Amino acid sequence: MGSISGNAYALTTLSPIRDGIVTGQEIAYADAVRTQLRDWNLLPNSPMTRVPQTYLCRYFVLDDVYTESLPGASSFDTFVDWLPVVPESVRRWAIPAEDHLKSRYLVFSCNFHGGPKGDVEGYLRSMWQAMSNEIQKVWGYCYGFEKVKDAASFAKYMKKCELPASLFFVGSNDDPLPEQLKALYLKQEFAKFAVETQGLDATTLRARYQEFIRRVDPANLAGPSWQPGQYKL
């Protein structure tokens, strides 16, 4: 399956953040990236809502990875734990080694409608066109990003940072985003219509239903519709 499932594409990138301190702010570059992402929560909606065909996405700063050293899983680990006579050097040898990252990383993970061939190039170009200002602020502290000048170089950079992915957002199907947004809108509006028309006689209900269909315009994907990023009525 890889990164493609039907028309959905699972994109995950890890961009290493440079070591250093922001001039005049006395905070690490990684913390400046984290602050930029947190500031998005103060906006009416995420800048990602402007990127076409985005099912969902997530950003975060990965500081490090951690492993549990004890208790060990093997029988030898348990054996040396119960024998104090075993030299300390042998006991330490039995403990799994810890792995640590050499850099902090900006992690970007999203599912989008990419078609059967997974048009990741087109998606990344549209992402740049929709929110290049925000992209430059968030990725500006990452290694290699100084070479990014336009949509083409951004797509090239992101594909270098891409990791294989195989986990998809189950709540999404293969339909393009506009169709899914329209379906959400119709579901919500029809539920309200059903509640509001309880107990009406057949003639009145038929008239109200015809008015409802004219208002929601089911075949028109352009609108009225659920808006990208909308999470409540």
Protein backbone atom coordinates (compact mmCIF):
# COMPACT_ATOMS: atom_id res chain seq x y z
CA MET A 1 0.00 0.00 0.00
CA GLY A 2 2.79 2.46 0.87
CA SER A 3 1.87 6.14 0.99
CA ILE A 4 -1.11 5.73 -1.38
CA SER A 5 -4.49 4.22 -0.50
CA GLY A 6 -7.02 4.64 -3.29
CA ASN A 7 -7.03 8.39 -3.95
CA ALA A 8 -5.63 9.30 -0.54
CA TYR A 9 -1.95 10.09 0.07
CA ALA A 10 -0.28 9.93 3.47
CA LEU A 11 2.53 12.48 3.60
CA THR A 12 4.96 12.61 6.53
CA THR A 13 8.06 14.80 6.55
CA LEU A 14 10.77 15.34 9.15
CA SER A 15 12.75 18.56 8.66
CA PRO A 16 15.81 18.97 10.94
CA ILE A 17 15.82 22.26 12.84
CA ARG A 18 19.12 24.12 13.07
CA ASP A 19 20.82 24.63 16.42
CA GLY A 20 20.94 28.23 17.48
CA ILE A 21 19.29 31.10 19.33
CA VAL A 22 16.91 33.65 17.81
CA THR A 23 18.62 37.04 17.88
CA GLY A 24 17.09 39.35 20.47
CA GLN A 25 14.68 36.73 21.81
CA GLU A 26 17.01 34.33 23.62
CA ILE A 27 15.02 31.27 22.60
CA ALA A 28 16.17 28.25 20.63
CA TYR A 29 15.18 27.93 16.99
CA ALA A 30 13.12 24.84 17.83
CA ASP A 31 11.17 26.81 20.43
CA ALA A 32 10.60 29.62 17.92
CA VAL A 33 9.11 27.06 15.51
CA ARG A 34 6.91 25.70 18.28
CA THR A 35 5.72 29.22 19.11
CA GLN A 36 4.83 29.89 15.48
CA LEU A 37 2.68 26.75 15.44
CA ARG A 38 1.00 27.61 18.73
CA ASP A 39 0.13 31.07 17.41
CA TRP A 40 -1.97 29.42 14.74
CA ASN A 41 -4.38 28.41 17.52
CA LEU A 42 -5.16 32.10 18.02
CA LEU A 43 -6.31 32.51 14.43
CA PRO A 44 -9.93 32.01 13.33
CA ASN A 45 -8.68 28.97 11.41
CA SER A 46 -5.49 27.20 10.42
CA PRO A 47 -3.61 28.45 7.34
CA MET A 48 -3.84 24.85 6.10
CA THR A 49 -7.53 25.35 5.36
CA ARG A 50 -6.39 27.35 2.33
CA VAL A 51 -4.55 24.35 0.87
CA PRO A 52 -6.81 22.47 -1.59
CA GLN A 53 -7.64 18.79 -1.04
CA THR A 54 -6.29 18.59 2.53
CA TYR A 55 -8.20 15.97 4.51
CA LEU A 56 -6.37 16.66 7.76
CA CYS A 57 -2.86 17.49 8.97
CA ARG A 58 -0.71 17.84 12.05
CA TYR A 59 2.44 19.80 12.90
CA PHE A 60 4.69 19.34 15.92
CA VAL A 61 8.30 19.71 17.04
CA LEU A 62 10.04 16.42 17.85
CA ASP A 63 12.69 17.09 20.49
CA ASP A 64 14.00 13.55 20.90
CA VAL A 65 13.06 9.88 21.00
CA TYR A 66 13.23 7.81 24.15
CA THR A 67 13.45 4.11 24.94
CA GLU A 68 12.85 2.28 28.21
CA SER A 69 16.04 0.56 29.31
CA LEU A 70 14.61 -1.52 32.14
CA PRO A 71 13.22 -4.02 32.60
CA GLY A 72 14.81 -5.90 29.72
CA ALA A 73 12.75 -8.30 27.69
CA SER A 74 15.16 -11.21 27.35
CA SER A 75 15.74 -14.03 29.79
CA PHE A 76 19.38 -12.97 30.11
CA ASP A 77 18.30 -9.48 31.25
CA THR A 78 16.16 -11.00 34.00
CA PHE A 79 18.93 -13.40 34.99
CA VAL A 80 21.55 -10.70 35.55
CA ASP A 81 19.04 -8.56 37.48
CA TRP A 82 18.68 -11.32 40.05
CA LEU A 83 22.37 -12.11 40.41
CA PRO A 84 24.25 -9.38 42.31
CA VAL A 85 27.49 -11.30 41.80
CA VAL A 86 27.42 -10.49 38.10
CA PRO A 87 29.90 -7.68 37.38
CA GLU A 88 28.40 -4.23 36.79
CA SER A 89 29.98 -4.07 33.34
CA VAL A 90 28.06 -7.19 32.33
CA ARG A 91 24.82 -5.84 33.77
CA ARG A 92 25.20 -2.60 31.83
CA TRP A 93 26.00 -4.52 28.67
CA ALA A 94 22.65 -6.31 28.98
CA ILE A 95 20.71 -3.03 29.10
CA PRO A 96 19.45 -1.89 25.69
CA ALA A 97 21.23 1.20 24.41
CA GLU A 98 19.35 4.47 24.23
CA ASP A 99 18.95 6.19 20.88
CA HIS A 100 18.81 9.98 20.66
CA LEU A 101 18.26 12.35 17.77
CA LYS A 102 21.09 14.59 16.65
CA SER A 103 18.64 17.40 15.86
CA ARG A 104 15.18 18.52 16.73
CA TYR A 105 12.71 18.04 13.91
CA LEU A 106 9.69 19.84 12.53
CA VAL A 107 7.22 17.05 11.79
CA PHE A 108 4.49 17.59 9.21
CA SER A 109 1.97 14.82 8.66
CA CYS A 110 -1.13 15.01 6.49
CA ASN A 111 -3.60 13.04 4.40
CA PHE A 112 -4.78 14.61 1.17
CA HIS A 113 -6.63 13.70 -2.00
CA GLY A 114 -3.84 13.01 -4.45
CA GLY A 115 -5.58 10.84 -7.04
CA PRO A 116 -4.71 7.21 -7.86
CA LYS A 117 -1.07 8.11 -8.61
CA GLY A 118 -0.57 10.28 -5.53
CA ASP A 119 0.21 13.74 -6.90
CA VAL A 120 2.40 14.84 -4.00
CA GLU A 121 4.27 17.29 -6.23
CA GLY A 122 1.06 19.10 -7.15
CA TYR A 123 -0.13 19.15 -3.55
CA LEU A 124 3.10 20.67 -2.25
CA ARG A 125 3.09 23.30 -4.98
CA SER A 126 -0.47 24.27 -4.10
CA MET A 127 0.52 24.37 -0.43
CA TRP A 128 3.25 26.91 -1.21
CA GLN A 129 0.91 28.98 -3.35
CA ALA A 130 -1.72 29.04 -0.60
CA MET A 131 0.46 29.85 2.43
CA SER A 132 4.05 30.65 1.44
CA ASN A 133 4.36 33.35 4.13
CA GLU A 134 3.47 30.92 6.91
CA ILE A 135 5.68 28.21 5.41
CA GLN A 136 8.73 30.49 5.40
CA LYS A 137 8.16 31.43 9.04
CA VAL A 138 7.75 27.84 10.24
CA TRP A 139 10.37 26.11 8.09
CA GLY A 140 12.78 29.05 8.04
CA TYR A 141 14.86 27.64 10.91
CA CYS A 142 15.30 24.22 9.27
CA TYR A 143 18.49 22.96 7.64
CA GLY A 144 18.50 23.37 3.87
CA PHE A 145 15.42 25.56 3.72
CA GLU A 146 17.50 28.56 2.63
CA LYS A 147 17.45 27.02 -0.87
CA VAL A 148 13.66 27.21 -1.05
CA LYS A 149 12.58 30.17 -3.17
CA ASP A 150 9.37 29.09 -4.90
CA ALA A 151 6.78 26.33 -5.22
CA ALA A 152 9.09 24.05 -7.21
CA SER A 153 12.00 24.26 -4.76
CA PHE A 154 9.61 23.83 -1.80
CA ALA A 155 8.21 20.63 -3.31
CA LYS A 156 11.75 19.36 -3.95
CA TYR A 157 12.81 20.17 -0.37
CA MET A 158 9.78 18.48 1.18
CA LYS A 159 10.22 15.31 -0.85
CA LYS A 160 13.78 15.06 0.44
CA CYS A 161 12.38 15.21 3.98
CA GLU A 162 9.62 12.69 3.30
CA LEU A 163 9.41 9.37 5.15
CA PRO A 164 7.50 6.29 3.99
CA ALA A 165 4.02 6.25 5.52
CA SER A 166 1.21 3.70 5.58
CA LEU A 167 -1.26 4.97 8.21
CA PHE A 168 -4.31 6.80 6.94
CA PHE A 169 -7.12 8.78 8.52
CA VAL A 170 -9.96 6.25 8.50
CA GLY A 171 -12.68 8.92 8.63
CA SER A 172 -11.84 10.07 5.09
CA ASN A 173 -12.76 8.33 1.86
CA ASP A 174 -11.51 8.61 -1.70
CA ASP A 175 -13.74 11.52 -2.71
CA PRO A 176 -12.20 14.93 -3.49
CA LEU A 177 -12.40 17.38 -0.62
CA PRO A 178 -15.18 19.57 -2.11
CA GLU A 179 -17.44 16.51 -2.38
CA GLN A 180 -16.74 15.52 1.21
CA LEU A 181 -17.41 19.04 2.47
CA LYS A 182 -20.70 19.14 0.57
CA ALA A 183 -21.69 15.78 2.05
CA LEU A 184 -20.99 17.04 5.58
CA TYR A 185 -23.07 20.14 4.92
CA LEU A 186 -26.01 18.13 3.54
CA LYS A 187 -25.89 15.73 6.49
CA GLN A 188 -26.06 18.56 9.03
CA GLU A 189 -28.72 20.52 7.17
CA PHE A 190 -30.93 17.48 6.60
CA ALA A 191 -30.73 16.56 10.29
CA LYS A 192 -31.94 20.08 11.18
CA PHE A 193 -34.68 19.85 8.54
CA ALA A 194 -35.92 16.54 9.96
CA VAL A 195 -36.17 18.00 13.46
CA GLU A 196 -37.87 21.20 12.36
CA THR A 197 -40.55 19.47 10.25
CA GLN A 198 -41.77 16.89 12.75
CA GLY A 199 -45.58 16.54 12.74
CA LEU A 200 -46.27 18.51 9.56
CA ASP A 201 -48.98 17.30 7.20
CA ALA A 202 -47.93 15.77 3.89
CA THR A 203 -48.72 18.82 1.77
CA THR A 204 -46.77 21.21 4.00
CA LEU A 205 -43.88 18.75 4.37
CA ARG A 206 -43.60 18.38 0.59
CA ALA A 207 -43.46 22.16 0.14
CA ARG A 208 -40.88 22.54 2.89
CA TYR A 209 -38.77 19.76 1.38
CA GLN A 210 -38.79 21.38 -2.05
CA GLU A 211 -37.70 24.65 -0.47
CA PHE A 212 -34.98 22.77 1.42
CA ILE A 213 -33.61 21.23 -1.79
CA ARG A 214 -33.53 24.64 -3.51
CA ARG A 215 -31.66 26.11 -0.55
CA VAL A 216 -28.99 23.42 -0.10
CA ASP A 217 -28.52 22.87 -3.88
CA PRO A 218 -27.09 19.31 -3.55
CA ALA A 219 -25.40 19.22 -6.98
CA ASN A 220 -23.51 22.48 -6.47
CA LEU A 221 -20.14 21.75 -4.87
CA ALA A 222 -19.19 25.43 -4.84
CA GLY A 223 -21.82 26.24 -2.24
CA PRO A 224 -23.52 26.35 0.04
CA SER A 225 -21.19 23.87 1.72
CA TRP A 226 -19.23 23.00 4.84
CA GLN A 227 -16.11 25.18 4.98
CA PRO A 228 -12.55 23.77 5.15
CA GLY A 229 -11.47 23.57 8.77
CA GLN A 230 -14.99 24.16 10.08
CA TYR A 231 -15.55 22.21 13.29
CA LYS A 232 -18.93 23.45 14.50
CA LEU A 233 -22.21 24.78 13.10
